[in-house]
Amino acid sequence: MLIKTKAELRKHFKNLRNGLDADYRIDADKSIASRLFDLSEFIDSELILIYVSVDNEIDTKLIIEKSFLLNAFFKRAILVL
């Protein structure tokens, strides 16, 4: 199946995410957060914007919580709702 539109792409990847095993998703979320915290761009940033995840998106709760704990390293952390 050839996917042509942005809406079709979003639907396709949403369906893929919805089909993932819950344990796999938890491990993947932790792995993504860990890789983010190791990036020099993240460590050296003065401002970070973090989207609050909804539905079956990558869970950003861990990223948000740790970012606030590391707030001494950042001038500002902004949540985007």
PDB file of N, CA and C in Angstrom:
ATOM      1  N   MET A   1       0.840  -1.189   0.000  1.00  0.00           N
ATOM      2  CA  MET A   1       0.000   0.000   0.000  1.00  0.00           C
ATOM      3  C   MET A   1       0.879   1.244   0.000  1.00  0.00           C
ATOM      4  N   LEU A   2       0.650   2.124  -0.938  1.00  0.00           N
ATOM      5  CA  LEU A   2       1.398   3.361  -1.035  1.00  0.00           C
ATOM      6  C   LEU A   2       0.687   4.435  -0.222  1.00  0.00           C
ATOM      7  N   ILE A   3       1.410   5.017   0.721  1.00  0.00           N
ATOM      8  CA  ILE A   3       0.823   6.055   1.575  1.00  0.00           C
ATOM      9  C   ILE A   3       1.179   7.403   0.963  1.00  0.00           C
ATOM     10  N   LYS A   4       0.172   8.227   0.716  1.00  0.00           N
ATOM     11  CA  LYS A   4       0.394   9.457  -0.018  1.00  0.00           C
ATOM     12  C   LYS A   4       0.255  10.727   0.807  1.00  0.00           C
ATOM     13  N   THR A   5      -0.673  10.780   1.712  1.00  0.00           N
ATOM     14  CA  THR A   5      -0.944  12.031   2.407  1.00  0.00           C
ATOM     15  C   THR A   5      -0.421  12.013   3.839  1.00  0.00           C
ATOM     16  N   LYS A   6      -0.274  13.187   4.403  1.00  0.00           N
ATOM     17  CA  LYS A   6       0.145  13.310   5.797  1.00  0.00           C
ATOM     18  C   LYS A   6      -0.857  12.620   6.722  1.00  0.00           C
ATOM     19  N   ALA A   7      -2.125  12.778   6.441  1.00  0.00           N
ATOM     20  CA  ALA A   7      -3.166  12.153   7.256  1.00  0.00           C
ATOM     21  C   ALA A   7      -3.052  10.632   7.203  1.00  0.00           C
ATOM     22  N   GLU A   8      -2.760  10.093   6.023  1.00  0.00           N
ATOM     23  CA  GLU A   8      -2.595   8.647   5.894  1.00  0.00           C
ATOM     24  C   GLU A   8      -1.363   8.172   6.653  1.00  0.00           C
ATOM     25  N   LEU A   9      -0.283   8.939   6.592  1.00  0.00           N
ATOM     26  CA  LEU A   9       0.924   8.589   7.344  1.00  0.00           C
ATOM     27  C   LEU A   9       0.654   8.576   8.838  1.00  0.00           C
ATOM     28  N   ARG A  10      -0.019   9.601   9.321  1.00  0.00           N
ATOM     29  CA  ARG A  10      -0.350   9.670  10.748  1.00  0.00           C
ATOM     30  C   ARG A  10      -1.199   8.475  11.172  1.00  0.00           C
ATOM     31  N   LYS A  11      -2.189   8.151  10.376  1.00  0.00           N
ATOM     32  CA  LYS A  11      -3.064   7.025  10.689  1.00  0.00           C
ATOM     33  C   LYS A  11      -2.259   5.723  10.687  1.00  0.00           C
ATOM     34  N   HIS A  12      -1.392   5.555   9.712  1.00  0.00           N
ATOM     35  CA  HIS A  12      -0.570   4.346   9.607  1.00  0.00           C
ATOM     36  C   HIS A  12       0.302   4.166  10.846  1.00  0.00           C
ATOM     37  N   PHE A  13       1.017   5.214  11.242  1.00  0.00           N
ATOM     38  CA  PHE A  13       1.922   5.097  12.387  1.00  0.00           C
ATOM     39  C   PHE A  13       1.164   5.016  13.714  1.00  0.00           C
ATOM     40  N   LYS A  14       0.006   5.633  13.782  1.00  0.00           N
ATOM     41  CA  LYS A  14      -0.822   5.498  14.980  1.00  0.00           C
ATOM     42  C   LYS A  14      -1.273   4.045  15.139  1.00  0.00           C
ATOM     43  N   ASN A  15      -1.654   3.423  14.036  1.00  0.00           N
ATOM     44  CA  ASN A  15      -2.051   2.015  14.081  1.00  0.00           C
ATOM     45  C   ASN A  15      -0.888   1.125  14.503  1.00  0.00           C
ATOM     46  N   LEU A  16       0.318   1.432  14.008  1.00  0.00           N
ATOM     47  CA  LEU A  16       1.495   0.670  14.415  1.00  0.00           C
ATOM     48  C   LEU A  16       1.749   0.820  15.906  1.00  0.00           C
ATOM     49  N   ARG A  17       1.686   2.059  16.405  1.00  0.00           N
ATOM     50  CA  ARG A  17       1.903   2.300  17.847  1.00  0.00           C
ATOM     51  C   ARG A  17       0.861   1.574  18.686  1.00  0.00           C
ATOM     52  N   ASN A  18      -0.381   1.613  18.240  1.00  0.00           N
ATOM     53  CA  ASN A  18      -1.458   0.963  18.994  1.00  0.00           C
ATOM     54  C   ASN A  18      -1.272  -0.545  19.072  1.00  0.00           C
ATOM     55  N   GLY A  19      -0.546  -1.109  18.125  1.00  0.00           N
ATOM     56  CA  GLY A  19      -0.330  -2.545  18.106  1.00  0.00           C
ATOM     57  C   GLY A  19       0.866  -3.017  18.909  1.00  0.00           C
ATOM     58  N   LEU A  20       1.633  -2.099  19.474  1.00  0.00           N
ATOM     59  CA  LEU A  20       2.817  -2.484  20.238  1.00  0.00           C
ATOM     60  C   LEU A  20       2.441  -3.030  21.611  1.00  0.00           C
ATOM     61  N   ASP A  21       3.188  -4.016  22.055  1.00  0.00           N
ATOM     62  CA  ASP A  21       3.023  -4.603  23.381  1.00  0.00           C
ATOM     63  C   ASP A  21       3.325  -3.551  24.448  1.00  0.00           C
ATOM     64  N   ALA A  22       2.557  -3.540  25.526  1.00  0.00           N
ATOM     65  CA  ALA A  22       2.701  -2.530  26.585  1.00  0.00           C
ATOM     66  C   ALA A  22       4.098  -2.554  27.202  1.00  0.00           C
ATOM     67  N   ASP A  23       4.642  -3.731  27.465  1.00  0.00           N
ATOM     68  CA  ASP A  23       5.990  -3.825  28.049  1.00  0.00           C
ATOM     69  C   ASP A  23       7.049  -3.282  27.098  1.00  0.00           C
ATOM     70  N   TYR A  24       6.883  -3.572  25.812  1.00  0.00           N
ATOM     71  CA  TYR A  24       7.821  -3.051  24.821  1.00  0.00           C
ATOM     72  C   TYR A  24       7.786  -1.526  24.806  1.00  0.00           C
ATOM     73  N   ARG A  25       6.580  -0.969  24.860  1.00  0.00           N
ATOM     74  CA  ARG A  25       6.433   0.491  24.827  1.00  0.00           C
ATOM     75  C   ARG A  25       7.084   1.140  26.040  1.00  0.00           C
ATOM     76  N   ILE A  26       6.928   0.549  27.219  1.00  0.00           N
ATOM     77  CA  ILE A  26       7.544   1.094  28.431  1.00  0.00           C
ATOM     78  C   ILE A  26       9.063   1.096  28.293  1.00  0.00           C
ATOM     79  N   ASP A  27       9.615  -0.021  27.820  1.00  0.00           N
ATOM     80  CA  ASP A  27      11.065  -0.109  27.615  1.00  0.00           C
ATOM     81  C   ASP A  27      11.537   0.892  26.567  1.00  0.00           C
ATOM     82  N   ALA A  28      10.778   1.031  25.487  1.00  0.00           N
ATOM     83  CA  ALA A  28      11.150   1.969  24.424  1.00  0.00           C
ATOM     84  C   ALA A  28      11.102   3.411  24.928  1.00  0.00           C
ATOM     85  N   ASP A  29      10.085   3.749  25.710  1.00  0.00           N
ATOM     86  CA  ASP A  29       9.980   5.101  26.275  1.00  0.00           C
ATOM     87  C   ASP A  29      11.187   5.419  27.155  1.00  0.00           C
ATOM     88  N   LYS A  30      11.583   4.467  27.988  1.00  0.00           N
ATOM     89  CA  LYS A  30      12.746   4.660  28.859  1.00  0.00           C
ATOM     90  C   LYS A  30      14.023   4.803  28.046  1.00  0.00           C
ATOM     91  N   SER A  31      14.146   4.008  27.003  1.00  0.00           N
ATOM     92  CA  SER A  31      15.325   4.067  26.142  1.00  0.00           C
ATOM     93  C   SER A  31      15.426   5.414  25.426  1.00  0.00           C
ATOM     94  N   ILE A  32      14.309   5.893  24.931  1.00  0.00           N
ATOM     95  CA  ILE A  32      14.286   7.197  24.244  1.00  0.00           C
ATOM     96  C   ILE A  32      14.683   8.304  25.216  1.00  0.00           C
ATOM     97  N   ALA A  33      14.125   8.282  26.424  1.00  0.00           N
ATOM     98  CA  ALA A  33      14.451   9.298  27.428  1.00  0.00           C
ATOM     99  C   ALA A  33      15.931   9.242  27.788  1.00  0.00           C
ATOM    100  N   SER A  34      16.455   8.052  27.979  1.00  0.00           N
ATOM    101  CA  SER A  34      17.861   7.891  28.329  1.00  0.00           C
ATOM    102  C   SER A  34      18.774   8.439  27.238  1.00  0.00           C
ATOM    103  N   ARG A  35      18.440   8.123  25.998  1.00  0.00           N
ATOM    104  CA  ARG A  35      19.251   8.633  24.878  1.00  0.00           C
ATOM    105  C   ARG A  35      19.180  10.156  24.799  1.00  0.00           C
ATOM    106  N   LEU A  36      18.007  10.730  25.065  1.00  0.00           N
ATOM    107  CA  LEU A  36      17.855  12.185  25.051  1.00  0.00           C
ATOM    108  C   LEU A  36      18.750  12.832  26.095  1.00  0.00           C
ATOM    109  N   PHE A  37      18.740  12.286  27.328  1.00  0.00           N
ATOM    110  CA  PHE A  37      19.512  12.882  28.416  1.00  0.00           C
ATOM    111  C   PHE A  37      21.017  12.800  28.184  1.00  0.00           C
ATOM    112  N   ASP A  38      21.457  11.891  27.325  1.00  0.00           N
ATOM    113  CA  ASP A  38      22.879  11.759  27.004  1.00  0.00           C
ATOM    114  C   ASP A  38      23.339  12.693  25.884  1.00  0.00           C
ATOM    115  N   LEU A  39      22.400  13.294  25.178  1.00  0.00           N
ATOM    116  CA  LEU A  39      22.765  14.177  24.059  1.00  0.00           C
ATOM    117  C   LEU A  39      23.381  15.479  24.562  1.00  0.00           C
ATOM    118  N   SER A  40      24.485  15.865  23.957  1.00  0.00           N
ATOM    119  CA  SER A  40      25.124  17.124  24.350  1.00  0.00           C
ATOM    120  C   SER A  40      24.202  18.311  24.070  1.00  0.00           C
ATOM    121  N   GLU A  41      23.386  18.198  23.029  1.00  0.00           N
ATOM    122  CA  GLU A  41      22.443  19.280  22.715  1.00  0.00           C
ATOM    123  C   GLU A  41      21.447  19.468  23.854  1.00  0.00           C
ATOM    124  N   PHE A  42      21.044  18.394  24.478  1.00  0.00           N
ATOM    125  CA  PHE A  42      20.129  18.481  25.613  1.00  0.00           C
ATOM    126  C   PHE A  42      20.864  19.018  26.834  1.00  0.00           C
ATOM    127  N   ILE A  43      22.024  18.453  27.115  1.00  0.00           N
ATOM    128  CA  ILE A  43      22.806  18.835  28.291  1.00  0.00           C
ATOM    129  C   ILE A  43      23.211  20.308  28.239  1.00  0.00           C
ATOM    130  N   ASP A  44      23.600  20.786  27.062  1.00  0.00           N
ATOM    131  CA  ASP A  44      24.108  22.151  26.914  1.00  0.00           C
ATOM    132  C   ASP A  44      23.017  23.184  26.661  1.00  0.00           C
ATOM    133  N   SER A  45      21.765  22.760  26.535  1.00  0.00           N
ATOM    134  CA  SER A  45      20.707  23.705  26.179  1.00  0.00           C
ATOM    135  C   SER A  45      20.344  24.616  27.339  1.00  0.00           C
ATOM    136  N   GLU A  46      19.929  25.808  26.993  1.00  0.00           N
ATOM    137  CA  GLU A  46      19.463  26.770  27.980  1.00  0.00           C
ATOM    138  C   GLU A  46      17.941  26.786  28.044  1.00  0.00           C
ATOM    139  N   LEU A  47      17.308  26.276  27.019  1.00  0.00           N
ATOM    140  CA  LEU A  47      15.852  26.244  26.942  1.00  0.00           C
ATOM    141  C   LEU A  47      15.442  24.927  26.318  1.00  0.00           C
ATOM    142  N   ILE A  48      14.487  24.270  26.936  1.00  0.00           N
ATOM    143  CA  ILE A  48      13.931  23.055  26.342  1.00  0.00           C
ATOM    144  C   ILE A  48      12.414  23.185  26.305  1.00  0.00           C
ATOM    145  N   LEU A  49      11.824  22.676  25.246  1.00  0.00           N
ATOM    146  CA  LEU A  49      10.370  22.631  25.102  1.00  0.00           C
ATOM    147  C   LEU A  49       9.973  21.168  25.118  1.00  0.00           C
ATOM    148  N   ILE A  50       8.989  20.827  25.909  1.00  0.00           N
ATOM    149  CA  ILE A  50       8.572  19.436  26.030  1.00  0.00           C
ATOM    150  C   ILE A  50       7.071  19.349  25.813  1.00  0.00           C
ATOM    151  N   TYR A  51       6.668  18.559  24.841  1.00  0.00           N
ATOM    152  CA  TYR A  51       5.255  18.316  24.624  1.00  0.00           C
ATOM    153  C   TYR A  51       4.757  17.291  25.626  1.00  0.00           C
ATOM    154  N   VAL A  52       3.563  17.497  26.136  1.00  0.00           N
ATOM    155  CA  VAL A  52       2.924  16.524  27.011  1.00  0.00           C
ATOM    156  C   VAL A  52       2.269  15.480  26.105  1.00  0.00           C
ATOM    157  N   SER A  53       2.655  14.232  26.298  1.00  0.00           N
ATOM    158  CA  SER A  53       2.159  13.176  25.420  1.00  0.00           C
ATOM    159  C   SER A  53       0.684  12.883  25.698  1.00  0.00           C
ATOM    160  N   VAL A  54       0.009  12.431  24.663  1.00  0.00           N
ATOM    161  CA  VAL A  54      -1.390  12.023  24.772  1.00  0.00           C
ATOM    162  C   VAL A  54      -1.552  10.666  24.099  1.00  0.00           C
ATOM    163  N   ASP A  55      -2.569   9.959  24.506  1.00  0.00           N
ATOM    164  CA  ASP A  55      -2.915   8.666  23.924  1.00  0.00           C
ATOM    165  C   ASP A  55      -1.708   7.723  23.899  1.00  0.00           C
ATOM    166  N   ASN A  56      -1.397   7.191  22.748  1.00  0.00           N
ATOM    167  CA  ASN A  56      -0.331   6.203  22.625  1.00  0.00           C
ATOM    168  C   ASN A  56       0.973   6.781  22.091  1.00  0.00           C
ATOM    169  N   GLU A  57       1.179   8.071  22.274  1.00  0.00           N
ATOM    170  CA  GLU A  57       2.450   8.674  21.881  1.00  0.00           C
ATOM    171  C   GLU A  57       3.542   8.234  22.857  1.00  0.00           C
ATOM    172  N   ILE A  58       4.776   8.501  22.490  1.00  0.00           N
ATOM    173  CA  ILE A  58       5.886   8.235  23.402  1.00  0.00           C
ATOM    174  C   ILE A  58       5.594   8.964  24.702  1.00  0.00           C
ATOM    175  N   ASP A  59       5.678   8.249  25.822  1.00  0.00           N
ATOM    176  CA  ASP A  59       5.369   8.833  27.127  1.00  0.00           C
ATOM    177  C   ASP A  59       6.464   9.824  27.518  1.00  0.00           C
ATOM    178  N   THR A  60       6.097  11.088  27.633  1.00  0.00           N
ATOM    179  CA  THR A  60       7.078  12.130  27.961  1.00  0.00           C
ATOM    180  C   THR A  60       7.127  12.442  29.460  1.00  0.00           C
ATOM    181  N   LYS A  61       6.380  11.713  30.266  1.00  0.00           N
ATOM    182  CA  LYS A  61       6.340  11.994  31.707  1.00  0.00           C
ATOM    183  C   LYS A  61       7.733  11.913  32.334  1.00  0.00           C
ATOM    184  N   LEU A  62       8.490  10.858  32.030  1.00  0.00           N
ATOM    185  CA  LEU A  62       9.837  10.708  32.573  1.00  0.00           C
ATOM    186  C   LEU A  62      10.742  11.860  32.120  1.00  0.00           C
ATOM    187  N   ILE A  63      10.623  12.243  30.877  1.00  0.00           N
ATOM    188  CA  ILE A  63      11.432  13.343  30.346  1.00  0.00           C
ATOM    189  C   ILE A  63      11.091  14.640  31.071  1.00  0.00           C
ATOM    190  N   ILE A  64       9.811  14.883  31.278  1.00  0.00           N
ATOM    191  CA  ILE A  64       9.367  16.101  31.967  1.00  0.00           C
ATOM    192  C   ILE A  64       9.861  16.114  33.409  1.00  0.00           C
ATOM    193  N   GLU A  65       9.664  15.002  34.113  1.00  0.00           N
ATOM    194  CA  GLU A  65      10.067  14.939  35.520  1.00  0.00           C
ATOM    195  C   GLU A  65      11.575  15.138  35.682  1.00  0.00           C
ATOM    196  N   LYS A  66      12.358  14.444  34.884  1.00  0.00           N
ATOM    197  CA  LYS A  66      13.814  14.560  35.012  1.00  0.00           C
ATOM    198  C   LYS A  66      14.285  15.947  34.586  1.00  0.00           C
ATOM    199  N   SER A  67      13.646  16.527  33.592  1.00  0.00           N
ATOM    200  CA  SER A  67      14.020  17.875  33.152  1.00  0.00           C
ATOM    201  C   SER A  67      13.827  18.887  34.275  1.00  0.00           C
ATOM    202  N   PHE A  68      12.743  18.734  35.034  1.00  0.00           N
ATOM    203  CA  PHE A  68      12.538  19.647  36.164  1.00  0.00           C
ATOM    204  C   PHE A  68      13.546  19.397  37.272  1.00  0.00           C
ATOM    205  N   LEU A  69      13.934  18.140  37.480  1.00  0.00           N
ATOM    206  CA  LEU A  69      14.970  17.846  38.469  1.00  0.00           C
ATOM    207  C   LEU A  69      16.315  18.440  38.059  1.00  0.00           C
ATOM    208  N   LEU A  70      16.558  18.500  36.763  1.00  0.00           N
ATOM    209  CA  LEU A  70      17.806  19.050  36.234  1.00  0.00           C
ATOM    210  C   LEU A  70      17.706  20.546  35.978  1.00  0.00           C
ATOM    211  N   ASN A  71      16.644  21.159  36.442  1.00  0.00           N
ATOM    212  CA  ASN A  71      16.372  22.558  36.113  1.00  0.00           C
ATOM    213  C   ASN A  71      17.532  23.493  36.449  1.00  0.00           C
ATOM    214  N   ALA A  72      18.396  23.121  37.382  1.00  0.00           N
ATOM    215  CA  ALA A  72      19.548  23.951  37.704  1.00  0.00           C
ATOM    216  C   ALA A  72      20.448  24.121  36.492  1.00  0.00           C
ATOM    217  N   PHE A  73      20.386  23.171  35.557  1.00  0.00           N
ATOM    218  CA  PHE A  73      21.231  23.241  34.368  1.00  0.00           C
ATOM    219  C   PHE A  73      20.605  24.062  33.254  1.00  0.00           C
ATOM    220  N   PHE A  74      19.346  24.386  33.390  1.00  0.00           N
ATOM    221  CA  PHE A  74      18.635  25.113  32.346  1.00  0.00           C
ATOM    222  C   PHE A  74      18.140  26.446  32.878  1.00  0.00           C
ATOM    223  N   LYS A  75      18.137  27.436  32.009  1.00  0.00           N
ATOM    224  CA  LYS A  75      17.552  28.713  32.418  1.00  0.00           C
ATOM    225  C   LYS A  75      16.037  28.606  32.461  1.00  0.00           C
ATOM    226  N   ARG A  76      15.456  27.819  31.518  1.00  0.00           N
ATOM    227  CA  ARG A  76      14.005  27.656  31.506  1.00  0.00           C
ATOM    228  C   ARG A  76      13.636  26.301  30.910  1.00  0.00           C
ATOM    229  N   ALA A  77      12.610  25.691  31.448  1.00  0.00           N
ATOM    230  CA  ALA A  77      12.002  24.505  30.858  1.00  0.00           C
ATOM    231  C   ALA A  77      10.532  24.824  30.648  1.00  0.00           C
ATOM    232  N   ILE A  78      10.034  24.588  29.457  1.00  0.00           N
ATOM    233  CA  ILE A  78       8.671  24.962  29.125  1.00  0.00           C
ATOM    234  C   ILE A  78       7.893  23.735  28.689  1.00  0.00           C
ATOM    235  N   LEU A  79       6.745  23.518  29.300  1.00  0.00           N
ATOM    236  CA  LEU A  79       5.858  22.451  28.873  1.00  0.00           C
ATOM    237  C   LEU A  79       4.924  22.980  27.801  1.00  0.00           C
ATOM    238  N   VAL A  80       4.713  22.216  26.766  1.00  0.00           N
ATOM    239  CA  VAL A  80       3.811  22.591  25.699  1.00  0.00           C
ATOM    240  C   VAL A  80       2.628  21.647  25.763  1.00  0.00           C
ATOM    241  N   LEU A  81       1.452  22.208  26.078  1.00  0.00           N
ATOM    242  CA  LEU A  81       0.237  21.384  26.197  1.00  0.00           C
ATOM    243  C   LEU A  81      -0.526  21.350  24.918  1.00  0.00           C
TER     244      LEU A  81
END
